[in-house]
N, C-alpha and C. Protein backbone atom coordinates (compact mmCIF):
# COMPACT_ATOMS: atom_id res chain seq x y z
N MET A 1 -76.61 54.04 40.02
CA MET A 1 -77.64 53.77 39.02
C MET A 1 -77.22 52.56 38.22
N TYR A 2 -78.12 51.60 38.05
CA TYR A 2 -77.84 50.39 37.30
C TYR A 2 -78.77 50.33 36.09
N LEU A 3 -78.21 50.17 34.92
CA LEU A 3 -78.99 50.09 33.69
C LEU A 3 -78.56 48.87 32.91
N ARG A 4 -79.48 48.34 32.13
CA ARG A 4 -79.15 47.18 31.31
C ARG A 4 -78.57 47.59 29.97
N ARG A 5 -79.01 48.71 29.42
CA ARG A 5 -78.52 49.14 28.11
C ARG A 5 -78.72 50.64 27.96
N VAL A 6 -77.76 51.29 27.34
CA VAL A 6 -77.86 52.73 27.13
C VAL A 6 -77.49 53.04 25.68
N ALA A 7 -78.27 53.90 25.06
CA ALA A 7 -77.96 54.38 23.72
C ALA A 7 -78.15 55.88 23.71
N VAL A 8 -77.11 56.60 23.34
CA VAL A 8 -77.18 58.05 23.27
C VAL A 8 -76.95 58.44 21.82
N ALA A 9 -77.95 59.06 21.20
CA ALA A 9 -77.86 59.47 19.81
C ALA A 9 -78.20 60.94 19.70
N CYS A 10 -77.36 61.70 19.01
CA CYS A 10 -77.57 63.14 18.87
C CYS A 10 -77.61 63.49 17.40
N CYS A 11 -78.68 64.10 16.95
CA CYS A 11 -78.83 64.42 15.54
C CYS A 11 -78.15 65.73 15.24
N SER A 12 -77.95 65.99 13.93
CA SER A 12 -77.25 67.20 13.52
C SER A 12 -78.10 68.44 13.71
N ARG A 13 -79.41 68.31 13.94
CA ARG A 13 -80.28 69.46 14.12
C ARG A 13 -80.31 69.97 15.55
N CYS A 14 -79.67 69.24 16.47
CA CYS A 14 -79.68 69.67 17.87
C CYS A 14 -78.80 70.89 18.05
N CYS A 15 -79.17 71.73 18.98
CA CYS A 15 -78.36 72.92 19.25
C CYS A 15 -77.33 72.61 20.33
N ALA A 16 -76.37 73.51 20.48
CA ALA A 16 -75.26 73.26 21.40
C ALA A 16 -75.70 73.25 22.85
N ALA A 17 -76.85 73.88 23.14
CA ALA A 17 -77.27 73.99 24.53
C ALA A 17 -78.30 72.94 24.92
N CYS A 18 -78.61 72.02 24.03
CA CYS A 18 -79.66 71.05 24.32
C CYS A 18 -79.13 69.93 25.19
N ALA A 19 -80.02 68.99 25.52
CA ALA A 19 -79.68 67.90 26.42
C ALA A 19 -78.77 66.86 25.79
N CYS A 20 -78.43 67.05 24.50
CA CYS A 20 -77.53 66.10 23.85
C CYS A 20 -76.16 66.07 24.51
N ARG A 21 -75.77 67.16 25.14
CA ARG A 21 -74.47 67.20 25.81
C ARG A 21 -74.62 66.46 27.13
N VAL A 22 -74.36 65.17 27.10
CA VAL A 22 -74.64 64.31 28.23
C VAL A 22 -73.55 64.41 29.30
N ARG A 23 -73.97 64.53 30.56
CA ARG A 23 -73.06 64.48 31.70
C ARG A 23 -73.58 63.42 32.64
N LEU A 24 -72.79 62.36 32.83
CA LEU A 24 -73.21 61.25 33.68
C LEU A 24 -72.11 60.92 34.67
N THR A 25 -72.50 60.53 35.88
CA THR A 25 -71.54 60.08 36.88
C THR A 25 -72.17 58.99 37.74
N GLY A 26 -71.35 58.06 38.21
CA GLY A 26 -71.86 56.98 39.06
C GLY A 26 -72.80 56.04 38.35
N LEU A 27 -72.50 55.74 37.07
CA LEU A 27 -73.40 54.91 36.27
C LEU A 27 -72.81 53.51 36.10
N GLN A 28 -73.67 52.49 36.19
CA GLN A 28 -73.26 51.12 35.86
C GLN A 28 -74.22 50.57 34.82
N VAL A 29 -73.67 50.17 33.67
CA VAL A 29 -74.47 49.63 32.58
C VAL A 29 -74.02 48.20 32.33
N ASN A 30 -74.94 47.26 32.46
CA ASN A 30 -74.60 45.85 32.28
C ASN A 30 -74.72 45.41 30.83
N GLY A 31 -75.41 46.18 29.99
CA GLY A 31 -75.49 45.89 28.56
C GLY A 31 -74.58 46.81 27.77
N MET A 32 -74.62 46.66 26.45
CA MET A 32 -73.78 47.49 25.59
C MET A 32 -74.22 48.95 25.64
N THR A 33 -73.26 49.86 25.75
CA THR A 33 -73.53 51.30 25.69
C THR A 33 -73.06 51.80 24.34
N THR A 34 -73.96 52.43 23.60
CA THR A 34 -73.65 52.94 22.27
C THR A 34 -73.85 54.45 22.24
N ILE A 35 -72.83 55.17 21.82
CA ILE A 35 -72.89 56.62 21.72
C ILE A 35 -72.56 57.01 20.29
N ASN A 36 -73.49 57.73 19.63
CA ASN A 36 -73.22 58.18 18.27
C ASN A 36 -73.97 59.47 18.00
N GLY A 37 -73.68 60.09 16.88
CA GLY A 37 -74.31 61.34 16.51
C GLY A 37 -73.29 62.38 16.11
N ASP A 38 -73.78 63.47 15.55
CA ASP A 38 -72.89 64.52 15.08
C ASP A 38 -72.40 65.42 16.20
N LEU A 39 -73.23 65.65 17.21
CA LEU A 39 -72.87 66.51 18.32
C LEU A 39 -72.56 65.66 19.54
N LEU A 40 -71.38 65.83 20.10
CA LEU A 40 -70.98 65.00 21.23
C LEU A 40 -70.69 65.88 22.45
N LYS A 41 -69.43 66.09 22.78
CA LYS A 41 -69.05 66.84 23.98
C LYS A 41 -69.69 66.25 25.24
N HIS A 42 -69.73 64.92 25.30
CA HIS A 42 -70.26 64.25 26.48
C HIS A 42 -69.15 64.09 27.53
N TYR A 43 -69.58 63.96 28.78
CA TYR A 43 -68.63 63.72 29.87
C TYR A 43 -69.19 62.60 30.74
N LEU A 44 -68.46 61.47 30.78
CA LEU A 44 -68.86 60.31 31.57
C LEU A 44 -67.80 60.09 32.63
N HIS A 45 -68.25 60.03 33.89
CA HIS A 45 -67.30 59.95 35.00
C HIS A 45 -67.71 58.87 35.99
N TRP A 46 -66.71 58.15 36.49
CA TRP A 46 -66.91 57.19 37.58
C TRP A 46 -68.02 56.20 37.25
N SER A 47 -67.85 55.52 36.13
CA SER A 47 -68.89 54.62 35.64
C SER A 47 -68.31 53.27 35.27
N ASN A 48 -69.18 52.25 35.27
CA ASN A 48 -68.81 50.90 34.85
C ASN A 48 -69.62 50.53 33.61
N PHE A 49 -68.90 50.26 32.53
CA PHE A 49 -69.56 49.83 31.29
C PHE A 49 -69.30 48.33 31.14
N ASN A 50 -70.10 47.55 31.89
CA ASN A 50 -69.87 46.11 31.95
C ASN A 50 -70.21 45.40 30.64
N GLY A 51 -71.05 46.01 29.83
CA GLY A 51 -71.39 45.41 28.54
C GLY A 51 -70.57 45.95 27.40
N GLY A 52 -69.68 46.87 27.70
CA GLY A 52 -68.84 47.46 26.66
C GLY A 52 -69.34 48.82 26.22
N LEU A 53 -68.49 49.51 25.47
CA LEU A 53 -68.80 50.86 25.01
C LEU A 53 -68.41 50.99 23.55
N THR A 54 -69.36 51.48 22.73
CA THR A 54 -69.12 51.73 21.31
C THR A 54 -69.37 53.20 21.03
N ILE A 55 -68.40 53.86 20.40
CA ILE A 55 -68.51 55.28 20.11
C ILE A 55 -68.29 55.50 18.62
N SER A 56 -69.20 56.26 17.99
CA SER A 56 -69.07 56.60 16.58
C SER A 56 -69.66 57.98 16.36
N GLY A 57 -69.53 58.48 15.13
CA GLY A 57 -70.07 59.80 14.81
C GLY A 57 -69.05 60.89 15.02
N GLY A 58 -69.55 62.08 15.35
CA GLY A 58 -68.68 63.23 15.55
C GLY A 58 -68.80 64.28 14.48
N GLY A 59 -69.68 64.04 13.49
CA GLY A 59 -69.90 65.05 12.45
C GLY A 59 -68.94 64.93 11.29
N SER A 60 -69.14 65.80 10.30
CA SER A 60 -68.36 65.75 9.07
C SER A 60 -67.04 66.50 9.18
N THR A 61 -66.89 67.35 10.18
CA THR A 61 -65.66 68.11 10.35
C THR A 61 -64.71 67.36 11.30
N PRO A 62 -63.53 66.99 10.85
CA PRO A 62 -62.60 66.23 11.70
C PRO A 62 -62.23 66.98 12.97
N VAL A 63 -62.19 66.25 14.07
CA VAL A 63 -61.78 66.70 15.40
C VAL A 63 -62.49 67.97 15.86
N ALA A 64 -63.72 68.17 15.41
CA ALA A 64 -64.51 69.32 15.88
C ALA A 64 -65.23 68.99 17.18
N GLU A 65 -65.60 67.72 17.37
CA GLU A 65 -66.31 67.30 18.57
C GLU A 65 -65.36 66.51 19.48
N TRP A 66 -65.73 66.35 20.75
CA TRP A 66 -64.89 65.62 21.67
C TRP A 66 -65.74 64.96 22.75
N MET A 67 -65.13 64.01 23.42
CA MET A 67 -65.75 63.33 24.56
C MET A 67 -64.69 63.11 25.63
N VAL A 68 -65.15 63.09 26.89
CA VAL A 68 -64.26 62.81 28.02
C VAL A 68 -64.86 61.68 28.84
N ILE A 69 -64.06 60.65 29.09
CA ILE A 69 -64.45 59.55 29.98
C ILE A 69 -63.36 59.42 31.03
N SER A 70 -63.74 59.46 32.30
CA SER A 70 -62.73 59.43 33.36
C SER A 70 -63.13 58.46 34.46
N ASP A 71 -62.10 57.86 35.08
CA ASP A 71 -62.27 57.00 36.26
C ASP A 71 -63.35 55.95 36.05
N SER A 72 -63.27 55.25 34.93
CA SER A 72 -64.30 54.28 34.56
C SER A 72 -63.69 52.95 34.16
N ASP A 73 -64.49 51.87 34.31
CA ASP A 73 -64.10 50.53 33.88
C ASP A 73 -64.87 50.19 32.62
N MET A 74 -64.18 49.54 31.66
CA MET A 74 -64.83 49.16 30.41
C MET A 74 -64.47 47.73 30.06
N LYS A 75 -65.49 46.91 29.81
CA LYS A 75 -65.25 45.52 29.44
C LYS A 75 -64.93 45.38 27.95
N SER A 76 -65.27 46.41 27.17
CA SER A 76 -64.88 46.44 25.76
C SER A 76 -64.97 47.88 25.27
N LEU A 77 -64.21 48.19 24.23
CA LEU A 77 -64.21 49.53 23.67
C LEU A 77 -64.07 49.43 22.17
N ASN A 78 -64.98 50.07 21.45
CA ASN A 78 -64.96 50.08 19.99
C ASN A 78 -65.12 51.53 19.53
N VAL A 79 -64.04 52.09 19.01
CA VAL A 79 -64.06 53.46 18.48
C VAL A 79 -63.55 53.38 17.05
N SER A 80 -64.46 53.33 16.10
CA SER A 80 -64.05 53.13 14.71
C SER A 80 -64.47 54.30 13.82
N ASN A 81 -65.76 54.48 13.62
CA ASN A 81 -66.24 55.54 12.74
C ASN A 81 -66.47 56.82 13.54
N PHE A 82 -65.39 57.33 14.08
CA PHE A 82 -65.46 58.46 15.00
C PHE A 82 -64.54 59.56 14.51
N THR A 83 -65.09 60.75 14.28
CA THR A 83 -64.30 61.84 13.71
C THR A 83 -63.81 62.83 14.76
N GLY A 84 -64.24 62.68 16.00
CA GLY A 84 -63.86 63.63 17.04
C GLY A 84 -62.63 63.20 17.80
N ILE A 85 -62.49 63.73 19.02
CA ILE A 85 -61.38 63.39 19.90
C ILE A 85 -61.94 62.78 21.18
N LEU A 86 -61.38 61.65 21.58
CA LEU A 86 -61.82 60.96 22.79
C LEU A 86 -60.69 61.02 23.81
N TYR A 87 -60.98 61.61 24.98
CA TYR A 87 -60.02 61.68 26.08
C TYR A 87 -60.42 60.66 27.14
N LEU A 88 -59.51 59.77 27.48
CA LEU A 88 -59.75 58.74 28.49
C LEU A 88 -58.78 58.97 29.65
N TYR A 89 -59.33 59.34 30.80
CA TYR A 89 -58.51 59.61 31.99
C TYR A 89 -58.70 58.48 33.02
N ARG A 90 -57.60 57.85 33.41
CA ARG A 90 -57.61 56.88 34.49
C ARG A 90 -58.67 55.79 34.29
N CYS A 91 -58.76 55.30 33.07
CA CYS A 91 -59.72 54.24 32.76
C CYS A 91 -59.05 52.87 32.85
N ASN A 92 -59.86 51.86 33.18
CA ASN A 92 -59.37 50.51 33.38
C ASN A 92 -59.92 49.59 32.31
N PHE A 93 -59.03 48.95 31.54
CA PHE A 93 -59.43 48.02 30.49
C PHE A 93 -58.92 46.60 30.79
N SER A 94 -58.62 46.33 32.05
CA SER A 94 -57.96 45.07 32.40
C SER A 94 -58.76 43.85 31.99
N ASN A 95 -60.07 43.93 32.00
CA ASN A 95 -60.91 42.78 31.66
C ASN A 95 -61.61 42.94 30.32
N ALA A 96 -61.06 43.80 29.46
CA ALA A 96 -61.69 44.07 28.17
C ALA A 96 -61.59 42.85 27.25
N PHE A 97 -62.75 42.42 26.70
CA PHE A 97 -62.76 41.29 25.77
C PHE A 97 -62.74 41.77 24.32
N THR A 98 -63.02 43.03 24.07
CA THR A 98 -62.94 43.61 22.73
C THR A 98 -62.28 44.97 22.83
N PHE A 99 -61.32 45.21 21.94
CA PHE A 99 -60.59 46.47 21.98
C PHE A 99 -60.29 46.87 20.55
N ILE A 100 -61.20 47.65 19.96
CA ILE A 100 -61.07 48.04 18.56
C ILE A 100 -60.97 49.56 18.49
N LEU A 101 -59.80 50.05 18.16
CA LEU A 101 -59.57 51.49 18.04
C LEU A 101 -59.02 51.77 16.65
N ASN A 102 -59.80 52.44 15.84
CA ASN A 102 -59.37 52.70 14.47
C ASN A 102 -59.82 54.09 14.05
N PRO A 103 -59.23 55.14 14.63
CA PRO A 103 -59.60 56.50 14.24
C PRO A 103 -59.24 56.77 12.78
N PRO A 104 -60.11 57.43 12.03
CA PRO A 104 -59.87 57.58 10.60
C PRO A 104 -58.83 58.62 10.22
N PHE A 105 -58.51 59.54 11.11
CA PHE A 105 -57.64 60.65 10.74
C PHE A 105 -56.26 60.59 11.41
N SER A 106 -56.23 60.34 12.70
CA SER A 106 -54.96 60.39 13.41
C SER A 106 -55.05 59.61 14.71
N TYR A 107 -53.94 59.03 15.14
CA TYR A 107 -53.90 58.35 16.43
C TYR A 107 -54.14 59.32 17.58
N GLN A 108 -53.97 60.62 17.32
CA GLN A 108 -54.18 61.62 18.36
C GLN A 108 -55.66 61.86 18.63
N GLN A 109 -56.54 61.17 17.91
CA GLN A 109 -57.97 61.28 18.19
C GLN A 109 -58.36 60.54 19.46
N ILE A 110 -57.54 59.57 19.89
CA ILE A 110 -57.83 58.81 21.09
C ILE A 110 -56.65 58.99 22.05
N VAL A 111 -56.86 59.78 23.08
CA VAL A 111 -55.79 60.12 24.02
C VAL A 111 -56.04 59.41 25.33
N MET A 112 -55.11 58.56 25.75
CA MET A 112 -55.25 57.79 26.99
C MET A 112 -54.26 58.30 28.02
N ILE A 113 -54.78 58.81 29.12
CA ILE A 113 -53.96 59.43 30.15
C ILE A 113 -54.09 58.63 31.45
N ASP A 114 -52.99 58.07 31.92
CA ASP A 114 -52.97 57.30 33.17
C ASP A 114 -53.96 56.14 33.15
N CYS A 115 -54.06 55.45 32.02
CA CYS A 115 -54.96 54.30 31.90
C CYS A 115 -54.21 52.99 32.14
N VAL A 116 -54.94 51.92 32.44
CA VAL A 116 -54.32 50.63 32.71
C VAL A 116 -55.04 49.53 31.94
N GLY A 117 -54.34 48.42 31.75
CA GLY A 117 -54.96 47.22 31.18
C GLY A 117 -55.19 47.25 29.70
N ILE A 118 -54.48 48.09 28.95
CA ILE A 118 -54.68 48.17 27.51
C ILE A 118 -54.10 46.92 26.85
N PRO A 119 -54.91 46.15 26.12
CA PRO A 119 -54.41 44.91 25.56
C PRO A 119 -53.65 45.07 24.24
N ASP A 120 -53.82 46.20 23.54
CA ASP A 120 -53.19 46.38 22.24
C ASP A 120 -51.68 46.51 22.34
N ASP A 121 -51.01 46.20 21.24
CA ASP A 121 -49.57 46.39 21.11
C ASP A 121 -49.34 47.53 20.14
N VAL A 122 -48.68 48.61 20.57
CA VAL A 122 -48.52 49.77 19.71
C VAL A 122 -47.66 49.46 18.48
N SER A 123 -46.89 48.39 18.51
CA SER A 123 -46.09 48.04 17.34
C SER A 123 -46.96 47.55 16.19
N LEU A 124 -48.22 47.25 16.46
CA LEU A 124 -49.14 46.77 15.42
C LEU A 124 -50.01 47.89 14.88
N PHE A 125 -49.75 49.13 15.25
CA PHE A 125 -50.57 50.25 14.80
C PHE A 125 -50.53 50.41 13.29
N ASN A 126 -51.63 50.93 12.77
CA ASN A 126 -51.65 51.32 11.37
C ASN A 126 -50.65 52.44 11.15
N ALA A 127 -49.87 52.36 10.09
CA ALA A 127 -48.79 53.33 9.88
C ALA A 127 -49.31 54.73 9.59
N THR A 128 -50.54 54.85 9.12
CA THR A 128 -51.09 56.16 8.75
C THR A 128 -51.82 56.81 9.91
N THR A 129 -52.76 56.08 10.50
CA THR A 129 -53.59 56.69 11.54
C THR A 129 -53.17 56.30 12.94
N GLY A 130 -52.51 55.17 13.09
CA GLY A 130 -52.16 54.71 14.43
C GLY A 130 -53.38 54.14 15.12
N SER A 131 -53.38 54.16 16.45
CA SER A 131 -54.49 53.61 17.20
C SER A 131 -54.87 54.49 18.37
N TYR A 132 -53.90 54.84 19.21
CA TYR A 132 -54.18 55.74 20.32
C TYR A 132 -52.88 56.40 20.78
N LEU A 133 -53.01 57.43 21.59
CA LEU A 133 -51.86 58.18 22.05
C LEU A 133 -51.73 58.00 23.56
N PRO A 134 -50.75 57.21 24.05
CA PRO A 134 -50.57 57.01 25.49
C PRO A 134 -49.77 58.15 26.12
N ILE A 135 -50.29 58.68 27.22
CA ILE A 135 -49.65 59.79 27.92
C ILE A 135 -49.66 59.50 29.42
N GLY A 136 -48.70 60.07 30.14
CA GLY A 136 -48.68 59.95 31.59
C GLY A 136 -48.25 58.57 32.02
N LEU A 137 -48.99 57.97 32.95
CA LEU A 137 -48.65 56.65 33.49
C LEU A 137 -49.43 55.54 32.81
N THR A 138 -49.84 55.76 31.59
CA THR A 138 -50.58 54.74 30.84
C THR A 138 -49.69 53.53 30.59
N GLY A 139 -50.19 52.35 30.92
CA GLY A 139 -49.47 51.11 30.65
C GLY A 139 -49.94 50.50 29.34
N PHE A 140 -49.01 50.16 28.47
CA PHE A 140 -49.37 49.57 27.18
C PHE A 140 -48.26 48.63 26.74
N TYR A 141 -48.49 47.93 25.63
CA TYR A 141 -47.53 46.96 25.13
C TYR A 141 -46.84 47.48 23.88
N ARG A 142 -45.55 47.20 23.81
CA ARG A 142 -44.80 47.46 22.59
C ARG A 142 -43.94 46.24 22.31
N ASN A 143 -44.17 45.62 21.15
CA ASN A 143 -43.46 44.40 20.77
C ASN A 143 -43.56 43.33 21.84
N GLY A 144 -44.75 43.21 22.42
CA GLY A 144 -45.02 42.16 23.38
C GLY A 144 -44.56 42.45 24.80
N THR A 145 -43.94 43.59 25.03
CA THR A 145 -43.46 43.94 26.36
C THR A 145 -44.29 45.09 26.93
N GLN A 146 -44.78 44.92 28.14
CA GLN A 146 -45.57 45.97 28.75
C GLN A 146 -44.66 47.05 29.31
N ILE A 147 -44.94 48.29 28.94
CA ILE A 147 -44.15 49.41 29.42
C ILE A 147 -45.10 50.51 29.90
N ILE A 148 -44.54 51.50 30.56
CA ILE A 148 -45.32 52.62 31.07
C ILE A 148 -44.96 53.87 30.28
N ALA A 149 -45.96 54.59 29.80
CA ALA A 149 -45.70 55.80 29.04
C ALA A 149 -45.10 56.87 29.94
N ASN A 150 -44.36 57.75 29.33
CA ASN A 150 -43.89 58.94 30.02
C ASN A 150 -44.07 60.10 29.05
N LEU A 151 -43.54 61.25 29.39
CA LEU A 151 -43.78 62.41 28.55
C LEU A 151 -43.28 62.21 27.12
N SER A 152 -42.23 61.42 26.94
CA SER A 152 -41.71 61.22 25.60
C SER A 152 -42.66 60.44 24.72
N GLU A 153 -43.56 59.65 25.30
CA GLU A 153 -44.46 58.84 24.50
C GLU A 153 -45.44 59.68 23.69
N ARG A 154 -45.71 60.89 24.12
CA ARG A 154 -46.63 61.70 23.35
C ARG A 154 -46.03 62.12 22.01
N TYR A 155 -44.71 61.88 21.84
CA TYR A 155 -44.08 62.16 20.57
C TYR A 155 -43.86 60.88 19.77
N TYR A 156 -44.52 59.82 20.17
CA TYR A 156 -44.35 58.54 19.47
C TYR A 156 -44.71 58.73 18.00
N THR A 157 -43.74 58.47 17.13
CA THR A 157 -43.92 58.83 15.73
C THR A 157 -44.49 57.68 14.92
N ARG A 158 -45.28 58.01 13.90
CA ARG A 158 -45.78 57.01 12.94
C ARG A 158 -45.08 57.20 11.60
N ASN A 159 -44.21 58.22 11.48
CA ASN A 159 -43.50 58.48 10.24
C ASN A 159 -42.05 58.08 10.40
N GLU A 160 -41.59 57.18 9.53
CA GLU A 160 -40.21 56.74 9.62
C GLU A 160 -39.24 57.87 9.29
N ALA A 161 -39.40 58.46 8.12
CA ALA A 161 -38.50 59.53 7.69
C ALA A 161 -39.09 60.87 8.11
N SER A 162 -38.37 61.60 8.96
CA SER A 162 -38.88 62.89 9.41
C SER A 162 -38.82 63.90 8.27
N ALA A 163 -39.88 64.71 8.19
CA ALA A 163 -39.98 65.69 7.11
C ALA A 163 -39.54 67.08 7.55
N GLN A 164 -39.44 67.32 8.83
CA GLN A 164 -39.07 68.62 9.34
C GLN A 164 -37.89 68.48 10.30
N SER A 165 -37.16 69.57 10.48
CA SER A 165 -35.97 69.52 11.32
C SER A 165 -36.31 69.27 12.78
N ASN A 166 -37.53 69.64 13.23
CA ASN A 166 -37.91 69.45 14.63
C ASN A 166 -38.83 68.26 14.83
N GLU A 167 -38.90 67.37 13.84
CA GLU A 167 -39.77 66.19 13.93
C GLU A 167 -38.96 64.97 14.33
N LEU A 168 -39.44 64.25 15.34
CA LEU A 168 -38.75 63.06 15.79
C LEU A 168 -39.01 61.91 14.84
N THR A 169 -38.07 60.99 14.78
CA THR A 169 -38.25 59.79 13.98
C THR A 169 -37.99 58.58 14.86
N SER A 170 -38.05 57.41 14.29
CA SER A 170 -37.90 56.20 15.08
C SER A 170 -36.45 55.75 15.15
N THR A 171 -36.16 54.95 16.17
CA THR A 171 -34.81 54.41 16.33
C THR A 171 -34.45 53.51 15.15
N SER A 172 -35.42 52.73 14.66
CA SER A 172 -35.14 51.82 13.55
C SER A 172 -34.74 52.58 12.30
N TYR A 173 -35.37 53.74 12.07
CA TYR A 173 -35.02 54.53 10.89
C TYR A 173 -33.59 55.07 11.01
N VAL A 174 -33.23 55.57 12.20
CA VAL A 174 -31.88 56.10 12.40
C VAL A 174 -30.85 54.99 12.24
N ASP A 175 -31.12 53.81 12.81
CA ASP A 175 -30.19 52.69 12.69
C ASP A 175 -30.01 52.28 11.23
N THR A 176 -31.09 52.28 10.48
CA THR A 176 -31.02 51.91 9.06
C THR A 176 -30.15 52.89 8.29
N GLN A 177 -30.30 54.17 8.57
CA GLN A 177 -29.49 55.17 7.87
C GLN A 177 -28.02 55.07 8.25
N VAL A 178 -27.74 54.82 9.53
CA VAL A 178 -26.34 54.67 9.97
C VAL A 178 -25.71 53.46 9.30
N ASN A 179 -26.47 52.38 9.15
CA ASN A 179 -25.92 51.16 8.55
C ASN A 179 -25.60 51.31 7.07
N THR A 180 -26.13 52.35 6.43
CA THR A 180 -25.81 52.58 5.01
C THR A 180 -24.46 53.25 4.83
N LYS A 181 -23.86 53.74 5.93
CA LYS A 181 -22.57 54.41 5.83
C LYS A 181 -21.44 53.39 5.70
N GLN A 182 -20.31 53.85 5.11
CA GLN A 182 -19.15 52.97 4.89
C GLN A 182 -18.43 52.75 6.21
N ASP A 183 -18.28 51.48 6.60
CA ASP A 183 -17.64 51.15 7.87
C ASP A 183 -16.14 51.40 7.84
N VAL A 184 -15.48 50.96 6.76
CA VAL A 184 -14.02 51.04 6.65
C VAL A 184 -13.66 51.79 5.37
N ILE A 185 -12.73 52.72 5.50
CA ILE A 185 -12.24 53.45 4.32
C ILE A 185 -11.10 52.64 3.71
N ALA A 186 -11.35 52.10 2.54
CA ALA A 186 -10.34 51.26 1.88
C ALA A 186 -9.32 52.14 1.15
N ASP A 187 -8.22 51.52 0.68
CA ASP A 187 -7.20 52.24 -0.08
C ASP A 187 -7.84 52.88 -1.31
N GLY A 188 -7.56 54.15 -1.49
CA GLY A 188 -8.11 54.86 -2.63
C GLY A 188 -9.53 55.35 -2.45
N GLY A 189 -10.10 55.08 -1.28
CA GLY A 189 -11.50 55.47 -1.05
C GLY A 189 -11.66 56.85 -0.47
N LEU A 190 -10.55 57.46 -0.02
CA LEU A 190 -10.63 58.79 0.56
C LEU A 190 -9.69 59.71 -0.21
N THR A 191 -10.28 60.62 -0.97
CA THR A 191 -9.49 61.56 -1.76
C THR A 191 -9.54 62.93 -1.10
N ILE A 192 -8.61 63.78 -1.52
CA ILE A 192 -8.56 65.13 -0.95
C ILE A 192 -9.88 65.86 -1.21
N ALA A 193 -10.48 65.64 -2.38
CA ALA A 193 -11.73 66.32 -2.74
C ALA A 193 -12.88 65.94 -1.81
N LYS A 194 -12.81 64.76 -1.19
CA LYS A 194 -13.89 64.28 -0.32
C LYS A 194 -13.69 64.70 1.13
N THR A 195 -12.58 65.36 1.44
CA THR A 195 -12.28 65.78 2.81
C THR A 195 -12.35 67.30 2.89
N GLU A 196 -13.29 67.82 3.61
CA GLU A 196 -13.53 69.26 3.65
C GLU A 196 -12.30 70.02 4.19
N ASN A 197 -11.87 71.04 3.42
CA ASN A 197 -10.79 71.96 3.80
C ASN A 197 -9.41 71.30 3.88
N LEU A 198 -9.29 70.05 3.47
CA LEU A 198 -7.98 69.41 3.54
C LEU A 198 -7.00 70.04 2.57
N GLN A 199 -7.46 70.31 1.33
CA GLN A 199 -6.55 70.87 0.33
C GLN A 199 -6.06 72.25 0.74
N SER A 200 -6.95 73.10 1.26
CA SER A 200 -6.54 74.44 1.66
C SER A 200 -5.59 74.39 2.85
N SER A 201 -5.82 73.43 3.74
CA SER A 201 -4.91 73.28 4.88
C SER A 201 -3.53 72.85 4.42
N LEU A 202 -3.46 71.92 3.47
CA LEU A 202 -2.17 71.48 2.94
C LEU A 202 -1.45 72.61 2.22
N ASN A 203 -2.22 73.43 1.51
CA ASN A 203 -1.61 74.54 0.77
C ASN A 203 -0.97 75.56 1.71
N GLY A 204 -1.44 75.61 2.95
CA GLY A 204 -0.90 76.57 3.90
C GLY A 204 0.36 76.09 4.60
N LYS A 205 0.73 74.85 4.36
CA LYS A 205 1.93 74.31 4.99
C LYS A 205 3.18 74.66 4.18
N GLN A 206 4.32 74.61 4.87
CA GLN A 206 5.60 74.91 4.21
C GLN A 206 6.03 73.70 3.39
N ASP A 207 6.28 73.94 2.10
CA ASP A 207 6.63 72.83 1.21
C ASP A 207 8.04 72.30 1.47
N VAL A 208 9.01 73.23 1.61
CA VAL A 208 10.42 72.84 1.73
C VAL A 208 11.00 73.51 2.97
N ILE A 209 11.72 72.75 3.77
CA ILE A 209 12.40 73.29 4.95
C ILE A 209 13.78 73.78 4.49
N VAL A 210 13.97 75.06 4.56
CA VAL A 210 15.22 75.64 4.09
C VAL A 210 16.23 75.69 5.24
N ASP A 211 17.48 76.04 4.90
CA ASP A 211 18.54 76.13 5.91
C ASP A 211 18.17 77.15 6.98
N GLY A 212 18.40 76.75 8.22
CA GLY A 212 18.17 77.64 9.33
C GLY A 212 16.73 77.69 9.84
N ARG A 213 15.83 76.95 9.21
CA ARG A 213 14.43 77.02 9.61
C ARG A 213 14.02 75.88 10.53
N LEU A 214 14.89 74.89 10.74
CA LEU A 214 14.55 73.75 11.57
C LEU A 214 15.49 73.73 12.77
N THR A 215 14.99 74.05 13.96
CA THR A 215 15.80 74.12 15.17
C THR A 215 15.40 73.01 16.13
N PHE A 216 16.28 72.79 17.14
CA PHE A 216 16.01 71.74 18.11
C PHE A 216 14.67 71.94 18.80
N ASP A 217 14.34 73.20 19.15
CA ASP A 217 13.12 73.42 19.93
C ASP A 217 11.85 73.21 19.10
N LYS A 218 11.99 73.07 17.78
CA LYS A 218 10.82 72.83 16.94
C LYS A 218 10.57 71.33 16.70
N ILE A 219 11.48 70.49 17.21
CA ILE A 219 11.33 69.06 17.02
C ILE A 219 11.15 68.42 18.39
N ALA A 220 10.01 67.84 18.62
CA ALA A 220 9.68 67.29 19.94
C ALA A 220 10.66 66.18 20.34
N ASP A 221 11.23 66.31 21.54
CA ASP A 221 12.08 65.31 22.16
C ASP A 221 13.40 65.07 21.43
N LEU A 222 13.73 65.91 20.43
CA LEU A 222 14.99 65.66 19.71
C LEU A 222 16.18 65.91 20.62
N GLN A 223 16.17 66.97 21.41
CA GLN A 223 17.28 67.31 22.29
C GLN A 223 17.51 66.20 23.32
N THR A 224 16.44 65.68 23.91
CA THR A 224 16.58 64.63 24.92
C THR A 224 17.06 63.33 24.31
N SER A 225 16.69 63.09 23.05
CA SER A 225 17.14 61.88 22.39
C SER A 225 18.63 61.94 22.11
């Protein structure tokens, strides 16, 4: 199917079983495709959006709605005023001339799984919301170098200082904290009070060696010397 332009709009009065829940496959659109509205849960598969794709809406409740786009080519993607979750499976952005992803709540609103051709650099993400979450074999850029996501990328953190014991942080944050430590202990810089259990260990030692308490077998290599 070849179309010049597509616009899908779903109002808040639509019911969950109505035709607003769009399912499309084998579609080619040469003009801009715009999807907006409060009710989404659309599924677009095996399609070419040659004029680009713009997605907005999703209702007033964060991440209540979702969309799935799979095995599709997109010449541009704009997801800005979108409150839901967008899942992109095996999508190709190699020829994208516009790539604007700015989810208002979290970078986890845009999940890219096994996608290719993403022009953005994750090092430029907004520190609060991020941009997208690369998973699987998704290829993306970090600090100008193209890399491939793996399972660890789904834990890519936007918070420098971890707030919980099981929360990952960034390498730069760890390096910064390590660099604040004292490299060399200078004279007078290490006291007994600063060394855990040192004083109690010293107190347990024998203060004075009395007659008959020091034998050859207690002194290493004394007999051979």
